[in-house]
């Protein structure tokens, strides 16, 4: 998520997206504007990633849990 950083529709759209995805599907958000939306969201099972290393760690965690 990069632009715009203050679209009032984004939190509702992300909440809808989370609700449409199966519970076992990870939802990661990142980018310059993501932190502001993440704070507004407070939706369970939405993970904020701030850099490539965090994406790698999140994907590793997801793959470990999917194999259990």
PDB file of N, CA and C in Angstrom:
ATOM      1  N   UNK A   1       0.852  -1.156   0.000  1.00  0.00           N
ATOM      2  CA  UNK A   1       0.000   0.000   0.000  1.00  0.00           C
ATOM      3  C   UNK A   1       0.901   1.223   0.000  1.00  0.00           C
ATOM      4  N   UNK A   2       0.749   2.029  -1.029  1.00  0.00           N
ATOM      5  CA  UNK A   2       1.639   3.174  -1.166  1.00  0.00           C
ATOM      6  C   UNK A   2       0.868   4.483  -1.175  1.00  0.00           C
ATOM      7  N   UNK A   3      -0.149   4.559  -1.982  1.00  0.00           N
ATOM      8  CA  UNK A   3      -0.833   5.831  -2.162  1.00  0.00           C
ATOM      9  C   UNK A   3      -2.303   5.563  -2.435  1.00  0.00           C
ATOM     10  N   UNK A   4      -3.207   6.343  -1.945  1.00  0.00           N
ATOM     11  CA  UNK A   4      -3.012   7.425  -0.982  1.00  0.00           C
ATOM     12  C   UNK A   4      -2.880   6.860   0.428  1.00  0.00           C
ATOM     13  N   UNK A   5      -2.360   7.650   1.300  1.00  0.00           N
ATOM     14  CA  UNK A   5      -2.130   7.170   2.668  1.00  0.00           C
ATOM     15  C   UNK A   5      -3.319   7.426   3.589  1.00  0.00           C
ATOM     16  N   UNK A   6      -4.370   8.060   3.075  1.00  0.00           N
ATOM     17  CA  UNK A   6      -5.490   8.400   3.952  1.00  0.00           C
ATOM     18  C   UNK A   6      -6.851   8.173   3.289  1.00  0.00           C
ATOM     19  N   UNK A   7      -6.954   7.187   2.420  1.00  0.00           N
ATOM     20  CA  UNK A   7      -8.225   6.887   1.767  1.00  0.00           C
ATOM     21  C   UNK A   7      -9.185   6.290   2.791  1.00  0.00           C
ATOM     22  N   UNK A   8     -10.310   6.933   3.076  1.00  0.00           N
ATOM     23  CA  UNK A   8     -11.213   6.442   4.109  1.00  0.00           C
ATOM     24  C   UNK A   8     -11.881   5.114   3.746  1.00  0.00           C
ATOM     25  N   UNK A   9     -11.811   4.693   2.487  1.00  0.00           N
ATOM     26  CA  UNK A   9     -12.421   3.431   2.075  1.00  0.00           C
ATOM     27  C   UNK A   9     -11.525   2.221   2.301  1.00  0.00           C
ATOM     28  N   UNK A  10     -10.240   2.426   2.413  1.00  0.00           N
ATOM     29  CA  UNK A  10      -9.301   1.308   2.499  1.00  0.00           C
ATOM     30  C   UNK A  10      -9.544   0.418   3.721  1.00  0.00           C
ATOM     31  N   UNK A  11      -9.703   0.951   4.927  1.00  0.00           N
ATOM     32  CA  UNK A  11      -9.947   0.053   6.056  1.00  0.00           C
ATOM     33  C   UNK A  11     -11.168  -0.854   5.850  1.00  0.00           C
ATOM     34  N   UNK A  12     -12.255  -0.307   5.334  1.00  0.00           N
ATOM     35  CA  UNK A  12     -13.441  -1.137   5.083  1.00  0.00           C
ATOM     36  C   UNK A  12     -13.173  -2.173   4.013  1.00  0.00           C
ATOM     37  N   UNK A  13     -12.445  -1.800   2.976  1.00  0.00           N
ATOM     38  CA  UNK A  13     -12.136  -2.744   1.899  1.00  0.00           C
ATOM     39  C   UNK A  13     -11.231  -3.864   2.402  1.00  0.00           C
ATOM     40  N   UNK A  14     -10.251  -3.537   3.229  1.00  0.00           N
ATOM     41  CA  UNK A  14      -9.383  -4.580   3.786  1.00  0.00           C
ATOM     42  C   UNK A  14     -10.160  -5.496   4.735  1.00  0.00           C
ATOM     43  N   UNK A  15     -11.069  -4.921   5.498  1.00  0.00           N
ATOM     44  CA  UNK A  15     -11.906  -5.728   6.385  1.00  0.00           C
ATOM     45  C   UNK A  15     -12.771  -6.678   5.559  1.00  0.00           C
ATOM     46  N   UNK A  16     -13.342  -6.178   4.468  1.00  0.00           N
ATOM     47  CA  UNK A  16     -14.145  -7.039   3.588  1.00  0.00           C
ATOM     48  C   UNK A  16     -13.291  -8.144   2.976  1.00  0.00           C
ATOM     49  N   UNK A  17     -12.098  -7.772   2.523  1.00  0.00           N
ATOM     50  CA  UNK A  17     -11.199  -8.757   1.926  1.00  0.00           C
ATOM     51  C   UNK A  17     -10.866  -9.848   2.930  1.00  0.00           C
ATOM     52  N   UNK A  18     -10.521  -9.449   4.156  1.00  0.00           N
ATOM     53  CA  UNK A  18     -10.202 -10.441   5.198  1.00  0.00           C
ATOM     54  C   UNK A  18     -11.392 -11.377   5.403  1.00  0.00           C
ATOM     55  N   UNK A  19     -12.594 -10.832   5.398  1.00  0.00           N
ATOM     56  CA  UNK A  19     -13.797 -11.633   5.598  1.00  0.00           C
ATOM     57  C   UNK A  19     -14.093 -12.575   4.445  1.00  0.00           C
ATOM     58  N   UNK A  20     -13.655 -12.243   3.241  1.00  0.00           N
ATOM     59  CA  UNK A  20     -13.908 -13.093   2.080  1.00  0.00           C
ATOM     60  C   UNK A  20     -12.880 -14.205   1.935  1.00  0.00           C
ATOM     61  N   UNK A  21     -11.721 -14.027   2.552  1.00  0.00           N
ATOM     62  CA  UNK A  21     -10.669 -15.034   2.457  1.00  0.00           C
ATOM     63  C   UNK A  21     -10.914 -16.150   3.475  1.00  0.00           C
ATOM     64  N   UNK A  22     -10.539 -17.365   3.135  1.00  0.00           N
ATOM     65  CA  UNK A  22     -10.620 -18.442   4.123  1.00  0.00           C
ATOM     66  C   UNK A  22      -9.770 -18.098   5.352  1.00  0.00           C
ATOM     67  N   UNK A  23     -10.184 -18.575   6.502  1.00  0.00           N
ATOM     68  CA  UNK A  23      -9.490 -18.248   7.753  1.00  0.00           C
ATOM     69  C   UNK A  23      -8.017 -18.645   7.715  1.00  0.00           C
ATOM     70  N   UNK A  24      -7.686 -19.697   6.989  1.00  0.00           N
ATOM     71  CA  UNK A  24      -6.292 -20.162   6.954  1.00  0.00           C
ATOM     72  C   UNK A  24      -5.422 -19.387   5.952  1.00  0.00           C
ATOM     73  N   UNK A  25      -5.999 -18.422   5.249  1.00  0.00           N
ATOM     74  CA  UNK A  25      -5.248 -17.627   4.280  1.00  0.00           C
ATOM     75  C   UNK A  25      -4.651 -16.404   4.956  1.00  0.00           C
ATOM     76  N   UNK A  26      -3.347 -16.260   4.831  1.00  0.00           N
ATOM     77  CA  UNK A  26      -2.659 -15.119   5.438  1.00  0.00           C
ATOM     78  C   UNK A  26      -2.927 -13.856   4.625  1.00  0.00           C
ATOM     79  N   UNK A  27      -3.066 -12.742   5.317  1.00  0.00           N
ATOM     80  CA  UNK A  27      -3.196 -11.443   4.659  1.00  0.00           C
ATOM     81  C   UNK A  27      -2.091 -10.546   5.198  1.00  0.00           C
ATOM     82  N   UNK A  28      -1.131 -10.234   4.337  1.00  0.00           N
ATOM     83  CA  UNK A  28      -0.007  -9.380   4.695  1.00  0.00           C
ATOM     84  C   UNK A  28      -0.191  -8.043   3.999  1.00  0.00           C
ATOM     85  N   UNK A  29       0.067  -6.958   4.714  1.00  0.00           N
ATOM     86  CA  UNK A  29       0.043  -5.643   4.086  1.00  0.00           C
ATOM     87  C   UNK A  29       1.373  -4.957   4.349  1.00  0.00           C
ATOM     88  N   UNK A  30       1.795  -4.184   3.393  1.00  0.00           N
ATOM     89  CA  UNK A  30       3.059  -3.476   3.519  1.00  0.00           C
ATOM     90  C   UNK A  30       3.073  -2.283   2.576  1.00  0.00           C
ATOM     91  N   UNK A  31       4.145  -1.535   2.630  1.00  0.00           N
ATOM     92  CA  UNK A  31       4.287  -0.353   1.795  1.00  0.00           C
ATOM     93  C   UNK A  31       4.240   0.906   2.635  1.00  0.00           C
ATOM     94  N   UNK A  32       4.548   2.009   1.995  1.00  0.00           N
ATOM     95  CA  UNK A  32       4.672   3.295   2.685  1.00  0.00           C
ATOM     96  C   UNK A  32       3.420   3.666   3.493  1.00  0.00           C
ATOM     97  N   UNK A  33       2.236   3.425   2.973  1.00  0.00           N
ATOM     98  CA  UNK A  33       0.996   3.845   3.630  1.00  0.00           C
ATOM     99  C   UNK A  33       0.392   2.777   4.538  1.00  0.00           C
ATOM    100  N   UNK A  34       0.952   1.591   4.549  1.00  0.00           N
ATOM    101  CA  UNK A  34       0.323   0.464   5.245  1.00  0.00           C
ATOM    102  C   UNK A  34       0.176   0.685   6.745  1.00  0.00           C
ATOM    103  N   UNK A  35       1.140   1.304   7.394  1.00  0.00           N
ATOM    104  CA  UNK A  35       1.083   1.446   8.844  1.00  0.00           C
ATOM    105  C   UNK A  35      -0.159   2.219   9.285  1.00  0.00           C
ATOM    106  N   UNK A  36      -0.474   3.295   8.603  1.00  0.00           N
ATOM    107  CA  UNK A  36      -1.652   4.080   8.955  1.00  0.00           C
ATOM    108  C   UNK A  36      -2.933   3.284   8.819  1.00  0.00           C
ATOM    109  N   UNK A  37      -3.023   2.502   7.763  1.00  0.00           N
ATOM    110  CA  UNK A  37      -4.210   1.672   7.573  1.00  0.00           C
ATOM    111  C   UNK A  37      -4.253   0.533   8.579  1.00  0.00           C
ATOM    112  N   UNK A  38      -3.105  -0.028   8.866  1.00  0.00           N
ATOM    113  CA  UNK A  38      -3.043  -1.136   9.832  1.00  0.00           C
ATOM    114  C   UNK A  38      -3.524  -0.665  11.197  1.00  0.00           C
ATOM    115  N   UNK A  39      -3.130   0.518  11.598  1.00  0.00           N
ATOM    116  CA  UNK A  39      -3.573   1.070  12.879  1.00  0.00           C
ATOM    117  C   UNK A  39      -5.089   1.258  12.876  1.00  0.00           C
ATOM    118  N   UNK A  40      -5.640   1.697  11.774  1.00  0.00           N
ATOM    119  CA  UNK A  40      -7.083   1.918  11.678  1.00  0.00           C
ATOM    120  C   UNK A  40      -7.851   0.602  11.637  1.00  0.00           C
ATOM    121  N   UNK A  41      -7.216  -0.429  11.128  1.00  0.00           N
ATOM    122  CA  UNK A  41      -7.891  -1.714  10.926  1.00  0.00           C
ATOM    123  C   UNK A  41      -8.184  -2.465  12.209  1.00  0.00           C
ATOM    124  N   UNK A  42      -7.108  -2.809  12.892  1.00  0.00           N
ATOM    125  CA  UNK A  42      -7.211  -3.660  14.073  1.00  0.00           C
ATOM    126  C   UNK A  42      -8.039  -4.908  13.776  1.00  0.00           C
ATOM    127  N   UNK A  43      -7.803  -5.487  12.614  1.00  0.00           N
ATOM    128  CA  UNK A  43      -8.489  -6.699  12.188  1.00  0.00           C
ATOM    129  C   UNK A  43      -7.588  -7.888  12.516  1.00  0.00           C
ATOM    130  N   UNK A  44      -8.131  -8.874  13.201  1.00  0.00           N
ATOM    131  CA  UNK A  44      -7.305 -10.055  13.487  1.00  0.00           C
ATOM    132  C   UNK A  44      -6.827 -10.707  12.193  1.00  0.00           C
ATOM    133  N   UNK A  45      -5.692 -11.321  12.254  1.00  0.00           N
ATOM    134  CA  UNK A  45      -5.135 -12.078  11.141  1.00  0.00           C
ATOM    135  C   UNK A  45      -4.734 -11.226   9.941  1.00  0.00           C
ATOM    136  N   UNK A  46      -4.493  -9.947  10.152  1.00  0.00           N
ATOM    137  CA  UNK A  46      -3.884  -9.096   9.132  1.00  0.00           C
ATOM    138  C   UNK A  46      -2.522  -8.710   9.683  1.00  0.00           C
ATOM    139  N   UNK A  47      -1.487  -9.028   8.937  1.00  0.00           N
ATOM    140  CA  UNK A  47      -0.133  -8.812   9.446  1.00  0.00           C
ATOM    141  C   UNK A  47       0.554  -7.702   8.661  1.00  0.00           C
ATOM    142  N   UNK A  48       1.137  -6.781   9.384  1.00  0.00           N
ATOM    143  CA  UNK A  48       1.890  -5.680   8.794  1.00  0.00           C
ATOM    144  C   UNK A  48       3.336  -6.121   8.616  1.00  0.00           C
ATOM    145  N   UNK A  49       3.866  -5.928   7.413  1.00  0.00           N
ATOM    146  CA  UNK A  49       5.279  -6.208   7.150  1.00  0.00           C
ATOM    147  C   UNK A  49       5.920  -4.911   6.675  1.00  0.00           C
ATOM    148  N   UNK A  50       7.040  -4.565   7.283  1.00  0.00           N
ATOM    149  CA  UNK A  50       7.678  -3.280   7.014  1.00  0.00           C
ATOM    150  C   UNK A  50       8.829  -3.341   6.025  1.00  0.00           C
ATOM    151  N   UNK A  51       9.372  -4.528   5.786  1.00  0.00           N
ATOM    152  CA  UNK A  51      10.522  -4.631   4.890  1.00  0.00           C
ATOM    153  C   UNK A  51      10.585  -6.044   4.316  1.00  0.00           C
ATOM    154  N   UNK A  52      11.491  -6.245   3.370  1.00  0.00           N
ATOM    155  CA  UNK A  52      11.608  -7.554   2.733  1.00  0.00           C
ATOM    156  C   UNK A  52      11.959  -8.656   3.725  1.00  0.00           C
ATOM    157  N   UNK A  53      12.778  -8.342   4.709  1.00  0.00           N
ATOM    158  CA  UNK A  53      13.136  -9.351   5.711  1.00  0.00           C
ATOM    159  C   UNK A  53      11.902  -9.804   6.495  1.00  0.00           C
ATOM    160  N   UNK A  54      11.003  -8.879   6.799  1.00  0.00           N
ATOM    161  CA  UNK A  54       9.785  -9.245   7.510  1.00  0.00           C
ATOM    162  C   UNK A  54       8.857 -10.073   6.628  1.00  0.00           C
ATOM    163  N   UNK A  55       8.839  -9.783   5.329  1.00  0.00           N
ATOM    164  CA  UNK A  55       8.034 -10.593   4.416  1.00  0.00           C
ATOM    165  C   UNK A  55       8.576 -12.020   4.399  1.00  0.00           C
ATOM    166  N   UNK A  56       9.898 -12.141   4.307  1.00  0.00           N
ATOM    167  CA  UNK A  56      10.519 -13.462   4.304  1.00  0.00           C
ATOM    168  C   UNK A  56      10.192 -14.224   5.585  1.00  0.00           C
ATOM    169  N   UNK A  57      10.290 -13.545   6.726  1.00  0.00           N
ATOM    170  CA  UNK A  57       9.985 -14.190   8.010  1.00  0.00           C
ATOM    171  C   UNK A  57       8.511 -14.590   8.084  1.00  0.00           C
ATOM    172  N   UNK A  58       7.632 -13.728   7.598  1.00  0.00           N
ATOM    173  CA  UNK A  58       6.200 -14.033   7.622  1.00  0.00           C
ATOM    174  C   UNK A  58       5.890 -15.232   6.736  1.00  0.00           C
ATOM    175  N   UNK A  59       6.478 -15.278   5.559  1.00  0.00           N
ATOM    176  CA  UNK A  59       6.246 -16.407   4.658  1.00  0.00           C
ATOM    177  C   UNK A  59       6.803 -17.703   5.239  1.00  0.00           C
ATOM    178  N   UNK A  60       7.954 -17.612   5.891  1.00  0.00           N
ATOM    179  CA  UNK A  60       8.523 -18.796   6.549  1.00  0.00           C
ATOM    180  C   UNK A  60       7.583 -19.299   7.645  1.00  0.00           C
ATOM    181  N   UNK A  61       7.072 -18.386   8.455  1.00  0.00           N
ATOM    182  CA  UNK A  61       6.143 -18.752   9.530  1.00  0.00           C
ATOM    183  C   UNK A  61       4.873 -19.380   8.952  1.00  0.00           C
ATOM    184  N   UNK A  62       4.365 -18.797   7.888  1.00  0.00           N
ATOM    185  CA  UNK A  62       3.152 -19.318   7.254  1.00  0.00           C
ATOM    186  C   UNK A  62       3.406 -20.726   6.722  1.00  0.00           C
ATOM    187  N   UNK A  63       4.560 -20.942   6.079  1.00  0.00           N
ATOM    188  CA  UNK A  63       4.819 -22.265   5.511  1.00  0.00           C
ATOM    189  C   UNK A  63       5.008 -23.305   6.598  1.00  0.00           C
ATOM    190  N   UNK A  64       5.600 -22.933   7.734  1.00  0.00           N
ATOM    191  CA  UNK A  64       5.752 -23.867   8.852  1.00  0.00           C
ATOM    192  C   UNK A  64       4.380 -24.257   9.404  1.00  0.00           C
ATOM    193  N   UNK A  65       3.497 -23.284   9.587  1.00  0.00           N
ATOM    194  CA  UNK A  65       2.165 -23.568  10.133  1.00  0.00           C
ATOM    195  C   UNK A  65       1.322 -24.370   9.162  1.00  0.00           C
ATOM    196  N   UNK A  66       1.521 -24.179   7.880  1.00  0.00           N
ATOM    197  CA  UNK A  66       0.703 -24.913   6.901  1.00  0.00           C
ATOM    198  C   UNK A  66       1.116 -26.378   6.821  1.00  0.00           C
ATOM    199  N   UNK A  67       2.313 -26.688   7.270  1.00  0.00           N
ATOM    200  CA  UNK A  67       2.785 -28.083   7.240  1.00  0.00           C
ATOM    201  C   UNK A  67       2.401 -28.851   8.491  1.00  0.00           C
ATOM    202  N   UNK A  68       1.868 -28.181   9.471  1.00  0.00           N
ATOM    203  CA  UNK A  68       1.529 -28.857  10.733  1.00  0.00           C
ATOM    204  C   UNK A  68       0.225 -29.602  10.617  1.00  0.00           C
TER     205      UNK A  68
END
